[in-house]
Amino acid sequence: MFSKCKFLHNFLCTKHNEPRRFDEVRAAEKASEIIDRGAVEIPVSQISGTVGRYRDFDGEFRARNRGGEARFQKILAAMQMGAALPPVSLYQIKDDFFILDGHHRVAAARQLGRETINARVVELLPAKQTLENQLYLEKIHFRDTAGLLKSINLTELDQYHHLELQIKQHQKWLSQHNNTDTSYKQAATDWYHTIYMPLTAIISRSNLVTNFPGRTVDDLYLYISTHQWTDTRPRQYGIGIDKLIPRDMEAFRSKMAELKNNEYPDMKQDITFFILLNVDGRHERRIIDKLMQLEPVRELHSVHGSIDFIVKVVLSRDLLASDAELISQFTHGNVRMLKGVISTQTLIPGLSRYKDDTCQ
């Protein structure tokens, strides 16, 4: 009885700590078409399984027998000494990699905290009809056609053609500007480094993507760039974005070329407005206390005349947001709902000038 229980316990623990099985994933994805990706640097964190040797290695690709452990220690020592080792051999299915040869090298790289490992990769394309697979195939088709080393991740189908149009437009500009023929791949490489990368850096640094659940920075790049450089339809966000991102793509490229990464402008800006309030005098003190607890409220003044209070508010907004919408949300959600507020009116300064405090 004890031996059976122990066997079952070990079996379950082993299953839990096994690497993913290549054959199972391949069957599930109906992956058959093969592309030789050659020698590339692969993120160690994306190596999740093995080709046929799931009984010999655990989930960290450490050998289950003493002989394998001794070999692992030799390879670990060699990697610590900086010895040149041959690339591992991997199969790829979408964003996951499976070890054909090099389990000990991968295990050692993991233990040493290496982020990438040199590998020879053969990719098998998924054929199962799912939205995820369709997006993946569109992604790698665009990447391979453009000759890019990294993928651009969009979350909607049939959107990569917008990026292709940008590259073709840039290809035409480069050919005219340099007075020489520029290939599509050459234009794509220049577009990636001088247009795509600066704009995505600005978007990433502003952390705008947190306002769009389920979307990526690349989705926002596509949205913003298409509206700035392609569409002529009216948009819902503020015109302040035109100062940051010119309406012409090549003008944006020229502007970014003059800056270093840490000098890129921010997609957030402050908006100052005033709220004029009429209140029920019985609730005046409570209203003052509530308003002054709000971080965006910078000043509150009691005045005589047709209104009771003037409140100065400073909000931080991204350039995709509408001033009117942001002000309305703040006023409705934080001011008008207060008991005793009779009426409100909002004012946005048309021109603001500030006297330097150092002036005498």
Protein backbone atom coordinates (compact mmCIF):
# COMPACT_ATOMS: atom_id res chain seq x y z
CA MET A 1 0.00 0.00 0.00
CA PHE A 2 2.77 2.42 0.95
CA SER A 3 4.74 1.71 -2.21
CA LYS A 4 1.68 2.35 -4.40
CA CYS A 5 1.01 5.68 -2.67
CA LYS A 6 4.64 6.69 -2.99
CA PHE A 7 4.64 5.75 -6.68
CA LEU A 8 1.50 7.84 -7.29
CA HIS A 9 2.98 10.79 -5.40
CA ASN A 10 6.21 10.67 -7.42
CA PHE A 11 4.26 10.30 -10.67
CA LEU A 12 2.14 13.37 -9.97
CA CYS A 13 5.17 15.43 -8.92
CA THR A 14 7.05 14.36 -12.02
CA LYS A 15 4.13 15.27 -14.28
CA HIS A 16 3.86 18.66 -12.61
CA ASN A 17 7.55 19.36 -13.10
CA GLU A 18 7.83 18.10 -16.68
CA PRO A 19 8.77 20.23 -19.67
CA ARG A 20 6.05 20.77 -22.27
CA ARG A 21 5.86 18.08 -24.91
CA PHE A 22 6.59 19.22 -28.44
CA ASP A 23 4.53 16.50 -30.08
CA GLU A 24 1.42 17.42 -28.09
CA VAL A 25 1.69 21.14 -28.87
CA ARG A 26 2.42 20.41 -32.53
CA ALA A 27 -0.68 18.20 -32.79
CA ALA A 28 -2.86 20.75 -31.00
CA GLU A 29 -1.74 23.57 -33.29
CA LYS A 30 -1.69 21.39 -36.43
CA ALA A 31 1.78 22.79 -37.07
CA SER A 32 3.45 21.35 -40.16
CA GLU A 33 4.83 24.01 -42.53
CA ILE A 34 8.53 24.52 -41.74
CA ILE A 35 10.69 27.64 -41.90
CA ASP A 36 14.41 27.55 -41.11
CA ARG A 37 15.11 30.65 -39.02
CA GLY A 38 18.87 30.02 -38.86
CA ALA A 39 21.03 31.12 -35.93
CA VAL A 40 19.36 33.68 -33.67
CA GLU A 41 19.38 34.88 -30.06
CA ILE A 42 16.36 33.47 -28.22
CA PRO A 43 14.93 34.58 -24.85
CA VAL A 44 15.66 31.79 -22.37
CA SER A 45 12.27 32.40 -20.72
CA GLN A 46 10.47 31.33 -23.91
CA ILE A 47 12.08 27.88 -24.00
CA SER A 48 9.32 25.81 -22.41
CA GLY A 49 9.57 22.24 -23.70
CA THR A 50 11.54 19.42 -25.21
CA VAL A 51 11.39 17.24 -28.30
CA GLY A 52 10.89 13.67 -27.09
CA ARG A 53 13.00 13.78 -23.92
CA TYR A 54 10.43 14.84 -21.35
CA ARG A 55 11.22 11.78 -19.20
CA ASP A 56 14.95 12.62 -19.05
CA PHE A 57 14.65 16.25 -17.85
CA ASP A 58 12.53 18.19 -15.39
CA GLY A 59 10.76 21.50 -15.98
CA GLU A 60 14.04 23.39 -15.54
CA PHE A 61 15.76 21.03 -18.03
CA ARG A 62 17.92 19.52 -15.31
CA ALA A 63 18.75 15.84 -15.89
CA ARG A 64 16.94 13.29 -13.76
CA ASN A 65 20.00 10.94 -13.60
CA ARG A 66 23.46 11.33 -12.09
CA GLY A 67 25.30 11.09 -15.38
CA GLY A 68 23.30 13.96 -16.81
CA GLU A 69 23.85 16.04 -13.69
CA ALA A 70 27.63 15.59 -14.01
CA ARG A 71 27.48 16.80 -17.63
CA PHE A 72 25.37 19.78 -16.56
CA GLN A 73 27.99 20.80 -13.99
CA LYS A 74 30.74 20.71 -16.64
CA ILE A 75 28.74 22.89 -19.00
CA LEU A 76 27.81 25.26 -16.18
CA ALA A 77 31.50 25.68 -15.30
CA ALA A 78 32.41 26.24 -18.94
CA MET A 79 29.74 28.94 -19.33
CA GLN A 80 30.91 30.63 -16.15
CA MET A 81 34.44 30.73 -17.60
CA GLY A 82 33.11 32.32 -20.80
CA ALA A 83 33.84 29.34 -23.03
CA ALA A 84 32.32 29.42 -26.53
CA LEU A 85 29.68 26.70 -26.81
CA PRO A 86 27.80 25.64 -29.95
CA PRO A 87 24.25 26.96 -30.38
CA VAL A 88 21.40 24.86 -29.05
CA SER A 89 18.88 23.42 -31.52
CA LEU A 90 15.26 24.44 -31.05
CA TYR A 91 11.88 23.94 -32.67
CA GLN A 92 9.53 26.91 -32.49
CA ILE A 93 5.73 26.94 -32.44
CA LYS A 94 4.46 30.51 -32.19
CA ASP A 95 6.20 32.12 -29.20
CA ASP A 96 7.30 28.86 -27.56
CA PHE A 97 10.55 26.97 -28.14
CA PHE A 98 11.30 23.27 -27.67
CA ILE A 99 14.78 21.80 -27.21
CA LEU A 100 15.98 19.30 -29.78
CA ASP A 101 19.60 19.47 -28.60
CA GLY A 102 21.16 21.46 -25.76
CA HIS A 103 19.12 20.76 -22.61
CA HIS A 104 22.16 21.16 -20.33
CA ARG A 105 23.16 24.44 -21.98
CA VAL A 106 19.64 25.83 -21.52
CA ALA A 107 19.56 24.67 -17.87
CA ALA A 108 22.94 26.31 -17.25
CA ALA A 109 21.82 29.55 -18.92
CA ARG A 110 18.76 29.58 -16.65
CA GLN A 111 20.83 29.02 -13.53
CA LEU A 112 23.23 31.79 -14.50
CA GLY A 113 20.37 34.21 -15.13
CA ARG A 114 21.15 34.63 -18.82
CA GLU A 115 18.35 36.42 -20.69
CA THR A 116 19.14 34.96 -24.13
CA ILE A 117 20.91 32.00 -25.68
CA ASN A 118 22.30 31.43 -29.15
CA ALA A 119 20.21 28.87 -31.03
CA ARG A 120 19.52 27.36 -34.41
CA VAL A 121 15.77 27.52 -34.86
CA VAL A 122 13.32 25.70 -37.09
CA GLU A 123 9.81 27.12 -36.89
CA LEU A 124 6.62 25.15 -37.53
CA LEU A 125 3.70 27.38 -38.47
CA PRO A 126 0.35 26.76 -36.77
CA ALA A 127 -2.47 25.74 -39.11
CA LYS A 128 -5.34 25.47 -36.62
CA GLN A 129 -8.00 28.04 -37.48
CA THR A 130 -8.09 30.38 -34.48
CA LEU A 131 -8.00 34.17 -34.13
CA GLU A 132 -4.74 33.91 -32.21
CA ASN A 133 -3.13 31.92 -35.00
CA GLN A 134 -4.40 34.26 -37.71
CA LEU A 135 -2.92 37.22 -35.84
CA TYR A 136 0.34 35.37 -35.38
CA LEU A 137 0.63 34.49 -39.08
CA GLU A 138 -0.11 38.08 -40.08
CA LYS A 139 2.51 39.28 -37.61
CA ILE A 140 5.35 37.09 -38.85
CA HIS A 141 4.40 37.64 -42.51
CA PHE A 142 4.75 41.39 -42.01
CA ARG A 143 7.98 40.97 -40.03
CA ASP A 144 9.59 38.60 -42.54
CA THR A 145 8.52 40.60 -45.59
CA ALA A 146 9.96 43.75 -44.03
CA GLY A 147 13.10 41.94 -42.91
CA LEU A 148 12.71 43.10 -39.31
CA LEU A 149 14.37 41.28 -36.43
CA LYS A 150 11.57 41.94 -33.95
CA SER A 151 7.82 41.51 -34.28
CA ILE A 152 5.20 44.24 -34.00
CA ASN A 153 2.20 43.04 -32.01
CA LEU A 154 -1.24 44.19 -33.13
CA THR A 155 -4.42 42.75 -31.66
CA GLU A 156 -6.81 43.14 -34.62
CA LEU A 157 -6.84 41.30 -37.93
CA ASP A 158 -6.02 42.95 -41.26
CA GLN A 159 -4.21 45.92 -39.73
CA TYR A 160 -0.60 45.32 -40.77
CA HIS A 161 -1.31 46.73 -44.23
CA HIS A 162 -1.40 50.20 -42.63
CA LEU A 163 2.20 49.70 -41.54
CA GLU A 164 3.10 48.41 -45.00
CA LEU A 165 1.71 51.61 -46.51
CA GLN A 166 3.84 53.69 -44.14
CA ILE A 167 6.96 51.78 -45.19
CA LYS A 168 6.13 52.16 -48.90
CA GLN A 169 5.58 55.88 -48.41
CA HIS A 170 8.88 56.11 -46.56
CA GLN A 171 10.57 54.06 -49.28
CA LYS A 172 9.45 56.61 -51.88
CA TRP A 173 10.65 59.50 -49.72
CA LEU A 174 14.07 57.90 -49.12
CA SER A 175 14.55 57.22 -52.84
CA GLN A 176 13.75 60.84 -53.71
CA HIS A 177 15.67 62.32 -50.77
CA ASN A 178 18.83 60.25 -51.39
CA ASN A 179 18.43 60.22 -55.18
CA THR A 180 18.90 56.46 -55.25
CA ASP A 181 16.73 53.34 -55.35
CA THR A 182 15.77 52.13 -51.89
CA SER A 183 14.47 48.60 -51.41
CA TYR A 184 11.38 47.84 -49.33
CA LYS A 185 13.50 46.10 -46.67
CA GLN A 186 15.96 49.00 -46.49
CA ALA A 187 13.07 51.42 -46.07
CA ALA A 188 11.49 49.15 -43.44
CA THR A 189 14.70 49.10 -41.39
CA ASP A 190 15.01 52.89 -41.52
CA TRP A 191 11.28 53.33 -40.74
CA TYR A 192 11.60 50.99 -37.75
CA HIS A 193 14.52 52.87 -36.20
CA THR A 194 13.66 56.49 -37.07
CA ILE A 195 9.84 56.56 -37.00
CA TYR A 196 8.37 53.50 -35.28
CA MET A 197 10.86 53.29 -32.39
CA PRO A 198 10.73 57.00 -31.40
CA LEU A 199 6.93 57.09 -31.39
CA THR A 200 6.55 53.83 -29.46
CA ALA A 201 9.14 55.11 -26.96
CA ILE A 202 7.05 58.23 -26.40
CA ILE A 203 3.89 56.12 -25.99
CA SER A 204 5.56 53.65 -23.63
CA ARG A 205 7.08 56.32 -21.43
CA SER A 206 3.73 58.05 -21.04
CA ASN A 207 2.18 54.73 -19.95
CA LEU A 208 -0.89 55.39 -22.11
CA VAL A 209 -1.50 51.71 -22.72
CA THR A 210 -2.88 51.30 -19.18
CA ASN A 211 -5.92 53.30 -20.34
CA PHE A 212 -6.64 50.76 -23.07
CA PRO A 213 -7.13 47.29 -21.54
CA GLY A 214 -6.30 44.45 -23.92
CA ARG A 215 -4.34 46.70 -26.26
CA THR A 216 -0.61 46.94 -26.90
CA VAL A 217 1.78 49.85 -27.37
CA ASP A 218 1.88 48.83 -31.04
CA ASP A 219 -1.92 49.18 -31.24
CA LEU A 220 -1.58 52.74 -29.96
CA TYR A 221 1.25 53.40 -32.42
CA LEU A 222 -1.03 52.31 -35.27
CA TYR A 223 -3.98 54.35 -33.98
CA ILE A 224 -2.01 57.54 -33.44
CA SER A 225 0.13 57.35 -36.56
CA THR A 226 -2.82 56.50 -38.82
CA HIS A 227 -4.84 59.42 -37.50
CA GLN A 228 -1.88 61.78 -37.78
CA TRP A 229 -0.45 60.75 -41.12
CA THR A 230 -3.25 59.08 -43.09
CA ASP A 231 -6.78 59.95 -41.99
CA THR A 232 -8.24 63.38 -42.53
CA ARG A 233 -11.39 62.71 -40.51
CA PRO A 234 -12.07 64.78 -37.38
CA ARG A 235 -10.80 63.13 -34.22
CA GLN A 236 -11.96 63.14 -30.61
CA TYR A 237 -8.69 63.94 -28.85
CA GLY A 238 -7.09 67.32 -28.31
CA ILE A 239 -5.19 69.29 -30.91
CA GLY A 240 -2.16 69.45 -28.59
CA ILE A 241 -0.92 66.24 -30.16
CA ASP A 242 -0.12 68.15 -33.37
CA LYS A 243 2.64 70.02 -31.56
CA LEU A 244 4.15 66.74 -30.43
CA ILE A 245 3.59 64.67 -33.57
CA PRO A 246 3.52 66.67 -36.82
CA ARG A 247 0.88 65.80 -39.40
CA ASP A 248 3.60 64.70 -41.82
CA MET A 249 5.44 61.44 -41.08
CA GLU A 250 8.76 62.65 -42.47
CA ALA A 251 8.50 65.86 -40.47
CA PHE A 252 8.14 63.69 -37.36
CA ARG A 253 11.21 61.68 -38.43
CA SER A 254 13.21 64.88 -38.88
CA LYS A 255 12.08 66.21 -35.50
CA MET A 256 13.03 63.00 -33.68
CA ALA A 257 16.41 62.84 -35.43
CA GLU A 258 17.42 66.00 -33.57
CA LEU A 259 16.67 64.44 -30.16
CA LYS A 260 18.13 61.73 -27.99
CA ASN A 261 15.84 59.13 -26.46
CA ASN A 262 15.85 60.83 -23.07
CA GLU A 263 14.87 64.10 -24.77
CA TYR A 264 11.70 62.77 -26.36
CA PRO A 265 8.67 64.87 -25.40
CA ASP A 266 5.94 63.53 -23.13
CA MET A 267 2.41 62.72 -24.27
CA LYS A 268 1.00 64.10 -21.04
CA GLN A 269 0.34 67.71 -20.22
CA ASP A 270 -1.38 69.73 -17.52
CA ILE A 271 -4.70 71.42 -18.14
CA THR A 272 -5.78 74.26 -15.85
CA PHE A 273 -9.39 75.36 -15.47
CA PHE A 274 -11.62 77.14 -12.98
CA ILE A 275 -14.93 76.08 -11.48
CA LEU A 276 -17.39 78.76 -10.38
CA LEU A 277 -19.75 77.47 -7.66
CA ASN A 278 -22.96 78.53 -6.05
CA VAL A 279 -23.65 76.62 -2.83
CA ASP A 280 -26.16 76.33 -0.04
CA GLY A 281 -24.67 78.28 2.87
CA ARG A 282 -25.64 75.57 5.35
CA HIS A 283 -23.16 73.18 3.67
CA GLU A 284 -20.43 75.71 2.90
CA ARG A 285 -17.81 74.50 5.40
CA ARG A 286 -18.30 70.84 4.46
CA ILE A 287 -17.99 71.61 0.73
CA ILE A 288 -14.74 73.54 1.32
CA ASP A 289 -13.26 70.63 3.27
CA LYS A 290 -14.26 68.07 0.60
CA LEU A 291 -12.87 70.12 -2.27
CA MET A 292 -9.55 70.79 -0.56
CA GLN A 293 -9.07 67.06 -0.07
CA LEU A 294 -8.98 66.59 -3.86
CA GLU A 295 -5.38 66.51 -5.16
CA PRO A 296 -6.13 68.35 -8.45
CA VAL A 297 -7.70 71.28 -6.55
CA ARG A 298 -4.91 73.82 -6.17
CA GLU A 299 -6.77 76.91 -4.92
CA LEU A 300 -10.19 77.80 -3.50
CA HIS A 301 -11.42 81.36 -3.06
CA SER A 302 -14.62 82.62 -1.45
CA VAL A 303 -15.87 85.73 -3.26
CA HIS A 304 -18.71 88.21 -3.00
CA GLY A 305 -21.16 88.67 -5.84
CA SER A 306 -23.15 86.36 -8.07
CA ILE A 307 -20.98 83.33 -7.25
CA ASP A 308 -19.78 81.90 -3.95
CA PHE A 309 -16.48 80.12 -4.78
CA ILE A 310 -13.79 80.09 -7.43
CA VAL A 311 -11.85 76.81 -7.54
CA LYS A 312 -8.62 76.37 -9.50
CA VAL A 313 -8.07 72.81 -10.77
CA VAL A 314 -5.02 71.33 -12.54
CA LEU A 315 -5.47 67.94 -14.22
CA SER A 316 -2.86 65.84 -16.03
CA ARG A 317 -4.07 64.32 -19.27
CA ASP A 318 -2.68 62.43 -22.24
CA LEU A 319 -2.92 63.92 -25.70
CA LEU A 320 -5.50 61.36 -26.81
CA ALA A 321 -8.03 62.68 -24.33
CA SER A 322 -10.50 65.51 -24.87
CA ASP A 323 -10.20 68.55 -22.60
CA ALA A 324 -13.97 68.92 -22.43
CA GLU A 325 -14.53 65.26 -21.57
CA LEU A 326 -11.87 65.23 -18.85
CA ILE A 327 -13.18 68.45 -17.26
CA SER A 328 -16.75 67.19 -17.41
CA GLN A 329 -15.82 63.88 -15.76
CA PHE A 330 -13.97 65.64 -12.94
CA THR A 331 -16.70 68.21 -12.34
CA HIS A 332 -19.57 65.72 -12.39
CA GLY A 333 -17.75 63.06 -10.37
CA ASN A 334 -16.17 65.26 -7.71
CA VAL A 335 -17.99 68.58 -7.44
CA ARG A 336 -21.60 68.50 -8.59
CA MET A 337 -22.33 65.40 -6.55
CA LEU A 338 -21.47 67.17 -3.28
CA LYS A 339 -24.47 67.87 -1.09
CA GLY A 340 -25.20 71.60 -1.05
CA VAL A 341 -23.77 72.46 -4.50
CA ILE A 342 -26.46 74.42 -6.33
CA SER A 343 -24.75 75.13 -9.65
CA THR A 344 -21.34 75.03 -11.34
CA GLN A 345 -19.71 76.68 -14.31
CA THR A 346 -16.31 75.79 -15.77
CA LEU A 347 -13.90 78.20 -17.43
CA ILE A 348 -10.75 77.35 -19.42
CA PRO A 349 -8.19 80.17 -19.76
CA GLY A 350 -7.60 81.20 -23.36
CA LEU A 351 -4.27 82.87 -22.56
CA SER A 352 -2.22 82.59 -19.41
CA ARG A 353 0.80 84.66 -18.46
CA TYR A 354 2.77 84.33 -15.24
CA LYS A 355 4.91 86.92 -13.55
CA ASP A 356 8.32 85.62 -12.54
CA ASP A 357 8.53 85.44 -8.73
CA THR A 358 12.11 86.74 -8.92
CA CYS A 359 11.05 89.98 -10.61
CA GLN A 360 11.20 93.04 -8.33
